[in-house]
C-alpha atoms as a PDB file:
ATOM      1  CA  MET A   1     113.859 133.460  95.225  1.00  0.00           C
ATOM      2  CA  PRO A   2     110.372 133.529  93.698  1.00  0.00           C
ATOM      3  CA  GLU A   3     108.096 130.583  94.338  1.00  0.00           C
ATOM      4  CA  SER A   4     107.268 128.436  91.338  1.00  0.00           C
ATOM      5  CA  ALA A   5     105.622 125.101  90.596  1.00  0.00           C
ATOM      6  CA  HIS A   6     108.855 123.181  91.143  1.00  0.00           C
ATOM      7  CA  ASP A   7     109.413 124.574  94.652  1.00  0.00           C
ATOM      8  CA  ASN A   8     106.940 122.039  96.002  1.00  0.00           C
ATOM      9  CA  TYR A   9     107.762 119.191  93.612  1.00  0.00           C
ATOM     10  CA  LYS A  10     108.256 115.846  95.297  1.00  0.00           C
ATOM     11  CA  PRO A  11     109.891 113.042  93.310  1.00  0.00           C
ATOM     12  CA  GLU A  12     107.672 110.540  95.146  1.00  0.00           C
ATOM     13  CA  THR A  13     104.419 111.902  93.685  1.00  0.00           C
ATOM     14  CA  ASN A  14     102.124 109.892  91.403  1.00  0.00           C
ATOM     15  CA  MET A  15     103.002 112.059  88.439  1.00  0.00           C
ATOM     16  CA  ALA A  16     105.424 110.896  85.779  1.00  0.00           C
ATOM     17  CA  VAL A  17     107.702 113.314  83.990  1.00  0.00           C
ATOM     18  CA  VAL A  18     108.431 113.040  80.263  1.00  0.00           C
ATOM     19  CA  PHE A  19     111.490 114.846  78.929  1.00  0.00           C
ATOM     20  CA  THR A  20     112.053 116.078  75.374  1.00  0.00           C
ATOM     21  CA  LYS A  21     115.235 117.168  73.667  1.00  0.00           C
ATOM     22  CA  THR A  22     115.737 120.884  73.178  1.00  0.00           C
ATOM     23  CA  ALA A  23     117.264 122.334  70.012  1.00  0.00           C
ATOM     24  CA  LYS A  24     120.624 122.165  71.787  1.00  0.00           C
ATOM     25  CA  GLY A  25     119.968 118.489  72.549  1.00  0.00           C
ATOM     26  CA  GLN A  26     119.143 117.749  68.899  1.00  0.00           C
ATOM     27  CA  GLU A  27     122.342 119.534  67.816  1.00  0.00           C
ATOM     28  CA  GLU A  28     124.353 117.410  70.247  1.00  0.00           C
ATOM     29  CA  ILE A  29     122.850 114.196  68.849  1.00  0.00           C
ATOM     30  CA  ASN A  30     123.487 115.248  65.252  1.00  0.00           C
ATOM     31  CA  GLY A  31     126.903 116.826  65.639  1.00  0.00           C
ATOM     32  CA  ARG A  32     128.405 115.928  69.012  1.00  0.00           C
ATOM     33  CA  ALA A  33     128.944 119.626  69.674  1.00  0.00           C
ATOM     34  CA  GLY A  34     129.052 119.502  73.473  1.00  0.00           C
ATOM     35  CA  ALA A  35     131.289 117.938  76.040  1.00  0.00           C
ATOM     36  CA  LEU A  36     128.992 115.135  77.176  1.00  0.00           C
ATOM     37  CA  THR A  37     130.313 111.960  78.697  1.00  0.00           C
ATOM     38  CA  PRO A  38     129.355 108.708  76.934  1.00  0.00           C
ATOM     39  CA  ARG A  39     126.862 108.046  79.759  1.00  0.00           C
ATOM     40  CA  GLN A  40     125.204 111.462  79.377  1.00  0.00           C
ATOM     41  CA  ARG A  41     125.067 111.070  75.602  1.00  0.00           C
ATOM     42  CA  ARG A  42     123.448 107.624  75.906  1.00  0.00           C
ATOM     43  CA  VAL A  43     120.745 109.030  78.206  1.00  0.00           C
ATOM     44  CA  LEU A  44     120.204 111.958  75.829  1.00  0.00           C
ATOM     45  CA  ILE A  45     119.712 109.530  72.934  1.00  0.00           C
ATOM     46  CA  PHE A  46     116.980 107.665  74.861  1.00  0.00           C
ATOM     47  CA  VAL A  47     115.070 110.858  75.728  1.00  0.00           C
ATOM     48  CA  ASP A  48     112.367 110.952  73.049  1.00  0.00           C
ATOM     49  CA  GLY A  49     109.456 112.973  74.407  1.00  0.00           C
ATOM     50  CA  LYS A  50     107.393 109.813  74.946  1.00  0.00           C
ATOM     51  CA  ARG A  51     109.172 107.793  77.640  1.00  0.00           C
ATOM     52  CA  THR A  52     108.695 108.668  81.303  1.00  0.00           C
ATOM     53  CA  VAL A  53     111.632 108.823  83.687  1.00  0.00           C
ATOM     54  CA  GLU A  54     110.565 105.446  85.092  1.00  0.00           C
ATOM     55  CA  GLU A  55     110.540 103.886  81.610  1.00  0.00           C
ATOM     56  CA  LEU A  56     114.016 105.290  80.993  1.00  0.00           C
ATOM     57  CA  ARG A  57     115.152 103.876  84.337  1.00  0.00           C
ATOM     58  CA  GLY A  58     113.963 100.414  83.271  1.00  0.00           C
ATOM     59  CA  MET A  59     115.763 100.659  79.938  1.00  0.00           C
ATOM     60  CA  LEU A  60     119.038 102.159  81.119  1.00  0.00           C
ATOM     61  CA  GLN A  61     119.565 100.315  84.415  1.00  0.00           C
ATOM     62  CA  SER A  62     121.422 103.157  86.085  1.00  0.00           C
ATOM     63  CA  ASP A  63     121.970 104.169  89.670  1.00  0.00           C
ATOM     64  CA  ASP A  64     122.423 107.822  88.748  1.00  0.00           C
ATOM     65  CA  LEU A  65     119.788 108.308  86.030  1.00  0.00           C
ATOM     66  CA  GLN A  66     117.948 111.057  87.858  1.00  0.00           C
ATOM     67  CA  HIS A  67     121.183 112.957  88.412  1.00  0.00           C
ATOM     68  CA  THR A  68     122.204 112.547  84.757  1.00  0.00           C
ATOM     69  CA  LEU A  69     118.790 113.801  83.636  1.00  0.00           C
ATOM     70  CA  GLY A  70     119.208 116.736  85.981  1.00  0.00           C
ATOM     71  CA  LEU A  71     122.591 117.613  84.477  1.00  0.00           C
ATOM     72  CA  LEU A  72     121.183 117.390  80.958  1.00  0.00           C
ATOM     73  CA  GLU A  73     118.247 119.571  81.953  1.00  0.00           C
ATOM     74  CA  GLU A  74     120.412 122.176  83.680  1.00  0.00           C
ATOM     75  CA  SER A  75     122.749 122.268  80.662  1.00  0.00           C
ATOM     76  CA  GLY A  76     119.829 122.900  78.320  1.00  0.00           C
ATOM     77  CA  TYR A  77     119.896 119.595  76.393  1.00  0.00           C
ATOM     78  CA  ILE A  78     116.477 118.430  77.608  1.00  0.00           C
ATOM     79  CA  GLU A  79     113.371 119.953  79.141  1.00  0.00           C
ATOM     80  CA  VAL A  80     110.204 118.688  80.743  1.00  0.00           C
ATOM     81  CA  GLY A  81     107.745 118.178  77.915  1.00  0.00           C
ATOM     82  CA  ALA A  82     104.765 116.725  79.747  1.00  0.00           C
ATOM     83  CA  VAL A  83     103.582 115.463  83.072  1.00  0.00           C
ATOM     84  CA  ILE A  84     101.450 112.327  83.212  1.00  0.00           C
ATOM     85  CA  ASP A  85      99.025 112.129  86.119  1.00  0.00           C
ATOM     86  CA  ALA A  86      98.004 109.038  88.088  1.00  0.00           C
ATOM     87  CA  GLN A  87      95.205 108.312  85.571  1.00  0.00           C
ATOM     88  CA  GLY A  88      97.682 108.262  82.682  1.00  0.00           C
ATOM     89  CA  LYS A  89      96.607 111.590  81.214  1.00  0.00           C
ATOM     90  CA  ALA A  90      99.447 113.587  79.724  1.00  0.00           C
ATOM     91  CA  GLY A  91      99.484 117.317  79.581  1.00  0.00           C
ATOM     92  CA  ALA A  92     101.512 120.389  80.132  1.00  0.00           C
ATOM     93  CA  ALA A  93     101.100 121.912  83.547  1.00  0.00           C
ATOM     94  CA  ALA A  94      99.924 125.482  83.865  1.00  0.00           C
ATOM     95  CA  GLY A  95     102.963 127.600  84.592  1.00  0.00           C
ATOM     96  CA  PRO A  96     106.465 126.203  84.956  1.00  0.00           C
ATOM     97  CA  LEU A  97     106.814 122.453  84.780  1.00  0.00           C
ATOM     98  CA  PRO A  98     108.487 120.607  87.635  1.00  0.00           C
ATOM     99  CA  SER A  99     112.206 120.059  87.515  1.00  0.00           C
ATOM    100  CA  ILE A 100     113.717 116.961  89.051  1.00  0.00           C
ATOM    101  CA  THR A 101     116.762 118.890  90.127  1.00  0.00           C
ATOM    102  CA  ALA A 102     115.082 121.898  91.688  1.00  0.00           C
ATOM    103  CA  PHE A 103     115.470 122.519  95.363  1.00  0.00           C
ATOM    104  CA  ARG A 104     112.450 123.494  97.382  1.00  0.00           C
ATOM    105  CA  LYS A 105     111.911 127.060  98.435  1.00  0.00           C
ATOM    106  CA  LEU A 106     114.661 128.076 100.850  1.00  0.00           C
ATOM    107  CA  PRO A 107     113.522 127.659 104.450  1.00  0.00           C
ATOM    108  CA  ALA A 108     113.351 130.678 106.729  1.00  0.00           C
ATOM    109  CA  ALA A 109     116.746 131.984 107.846  1.00  0.00           C
ATOM    110  CA  GLY A 110     116.065 130.968 111.442  1.00  0.00           C
ATOM    111  CA  ASP A 111     115.210 127.344 110.622  1.00  0.00           C
ATOM    112  CA  SER A 112     118.213 125.898 112.432  1.00  0.00           C
ATOM    113  CA  LEU A 113     116.569 122.486 112.885  1.00  0.00           C
ATOM    114  CA  ARG A 114     116.318 121.791 109.129  1.00  0.00           C
ATOM    115  CA  LEU A 115     119.822 123.172 108.624  1.00  0.00           C
ATOM    116  CA  LYS A 116     121.162 120.814 111.293  1.00  0.00           C
ATOM    117  CA  GLN A 117     119.219 117.887 109.801  1.00  0.00           C
ATOM    118  CA  ALA A 118     120.583 118.565 106.305  1.00  0.00           C
ATOM    119  CA  ARG A 119     124.139 119.045 107.569  1.00  0.00           C
ATOM    120  CA  ASN A 120     124.012 115.846 109.667  1.00  0.00           C
ATOM    121  CA  PHE A 121     122.459 113.841 106.826  1.00  0.00           C
ATOM    122  CA  MET A 122     125.133 114.941 104.352  1.00  0.00           C
ATOM    123  CA  ALA A 123     128.002 114.343 106.793  1.00  0.00           C
ATOM    124  CA  ASN A 124     126.695 110.973 107.983  1.00  0.00           C
ATOM    125  CA  THR A 125     126.097 109.611 104.478  1.00  0.00           C
ATOM    126  CA  VAL A 126     129.530 110.715 103.265  1.00  0.00           C
ATOM    127  CA  SER A 127     131.169 109.185 106.346  1.00  0.00           C
ATOM    128  CA  ALA A 128     129.247 105.931 105.953  1.00  0.00           C
ATOM    129  CA  PHE A 129     129.698 105.411 102.205  1.00  0.00           C
ATOM    130  CA  VAL A 130     132.957 107.201 101.390  1.00  0.00           C
ATOM    131  CA  GLY A 131     134.765 107.401 104.728  1.00  0.00           C
ATOM    132  CA  ARG A 132     136.000 110.318 106.774  1.00  0.00           C
ATOM    133  CA  VAL A 133     139.551 110.123 105.409  1.00  0.00           C
ATOM    134  CA  GLY A 134     138.493 109.956 101.767  1.00  0.00           C
ATOM    135  CA  ALA A 135     136.231 112.977 102.021  1.00  0.00           C
ATOM    136  CA  SER A 136     137.697 115.072 104.826  1.00  0.00           C
ATOM    137  CA  SER A 137     137.659 118.290 102.779  1.00  0.00           C
ATOM    138  CA  LEU A 138     133.996 117.854 101.831  1.00  0.00           C
ATOM    139  CA  LEU A 139     133.079 116.978 105.410  1.00  0.00           C
ATOM    140  CA  GLU A 140     134.800 120.135 106.678  1.00  0.00           C
ATOM    141  CA  ARG A 141     132.891 122.299 104.208  1.00  0.00           C
ATOM    142  CA  ILE A 142     129.610 120.611 105.157  1.00  0.00           C
ATOM    143  CA  GLU A 143     130.272 121.271 108.843  1.00  0.00           C
ATOM    144  CA  GLN A 144     131.206 124.906 108.140  1.00  0.00           C
ATOM    145  CA  ALA A 145     128.163 125.656 105.971  1.00  0.00           C
ATOM    146  CA  ALA A 146     126.349 128.570 107.583  1.00  0.00           C
ATOM    147  CA  ASP A 147     123.024 128.166 105.776  1.00  0.00           C
ATOM    148  CA  HIS A 148     121.014 126.073 103.331  1.00  0.00           C
ATOM    149  CA  GLY A 149     122.439 127.991 100.371  1.00  0.00           C
ATOM    150  CA  GLU A 150     125.973 126.920 101.270  1.00  0.00           C
ATOM    151  CA  LEU A 151     124.851 123.302 101.709  1.00  0.00           C
ATOM    152  CA  ARG A 152     123.097 123.419  98.347  1.00  0.00           C
ATOM    153  CA  ALA A 153     126.335 124.574  96.763  1.00  0.00           C
ATOM    154  CA  LEU A 154     127.894 121.320  98.035  1.00  0.00           C
ATOM    155  CA  PHE A 155     125.001 119.134  96.818  1.00  0.00           C
ATOM    156  CA  ASP A 156     126.588 117.993  93.530  1.00  0.00           C
ATOM    157  CA  GLU A 157     129.916 117.202  95.173  1.00  0.00           C
ATOM    158  CA  TRP A 158     128.095 115.293  97.933  1.00  0.00           C
ATOM    159  CA  TYR A 159     126.136 113.285  95.363  1.00  0.00           C
ATOM    160  CA  HIS A 160     129.199 112.524  93.225  1.00  0.00           C
ATOM    161  CA  SER A 161     131.120 111.346  96.274  1.00  0.00           C
ATOM    162  CA  LEU A 162     128.328 108.870  97.052  1.00  0.00           C
ATOM    163  CA  VAL A 163     128.063 107.632  93.472  1.00  0.00           C
ATOM    164  CA  GLY A 164     131.852 107.206  93.465  1.00  0.00           C
ATOM    165  CA  SER A 165     131.627 104.454  96.081  1.00  0.00           C
ATOM    166  CA  ARG A 166     130.217 101.031  95.317  1.00  0.00           C
ATOM    167  CA  GLU A 167     127.823 100.917  98.268  1.00  0.00           C
ATOM    168  CA  GLY A 168     126.848 104.561  97.895  1.00  0.00           C
ATOM    169  CA  ARG A 169     126.035 104.078  94.211  1.00  0.00           C
ATOM    170  CA  ARG A 170     123.327 101.584  95.159  1.00  0.00           C
ATOM    171  CA  GLU A 171     121.682 103.981  97.593  1.00  0.00           C
ATOM    172  CA  ALA A 172     122.397 107.306  95.879  1.00  0.00           C
ATOM    173  CA  GLU A 173     118.931 107.952  94.433  1.00  0.00           C
ATOM    174  CA  ALA A 174     117.108 107.180  97.687  1.00  0.00           C
ATOM    175  CA  LEU A 175     119.563 109.272  99.688  1.00  0.00           C
ATOM    176  CA  ARG A 176     119.265 112.127  97.203  1.00  0.00           C
ATOM    177  CA  ALA A 177     115.470 112.140  97.572  1.00  0.00           C
ATOM    178  CA  LYS A 178     115.732 112.124 101.368  1.00  0.00           C
ATOM    179  CA  LEU A 179     118.187 115.011 101.395  1.00  0.00           C
ATOM    180  CA  LEU A 180     115.988 117.062  99.073  1.00  0.00           C
ATOM    181  CA  GLU A 181     113.264 116.874 101.738  1.00  0.00           C
ATOM    182  CA  VAL A 182     115.329 118.918 104.205  1.00  0.00           C
ATOM    183  CA  ILE A 183     117.872 120.905 102.237  1.00  0.00           C
END
């Protein structure tokens, strides 16, 4: 996997991301061509190329905004239009812009410590917020994951299981950010 600007992107940085609608996103707004949920469509409507993710978060009051933005970005409805630095200066970054959904560069194959940390974090959070009985299949697949790539393939299911529980929904964004540090 080639290294790019988003491989080292940290959501906690002082930079604010501004998304814009793509042509596909404009078509969806005008003609409802895609299969977006009402929630995804509402977020897409609010993306205007001017509001930062934090401004959207304040307007939409959502526990899973970052995940919804990630789905819209991955599906080609929105793209990063600008990055605003700590001084409030907007501009396009040289090279690829950061993606909020991008994983970091895969760790070395022999990095068993980070693999164990990621596996334990995923299993413990699912057990705590969803319960072992309610997510036994997911927990088995997490435990059987042989490498970071296999854990990353379970990332969306892990996140959705957390958001599906009332307590997990409250903590989902913070837990997502913590997992992205090790996965």
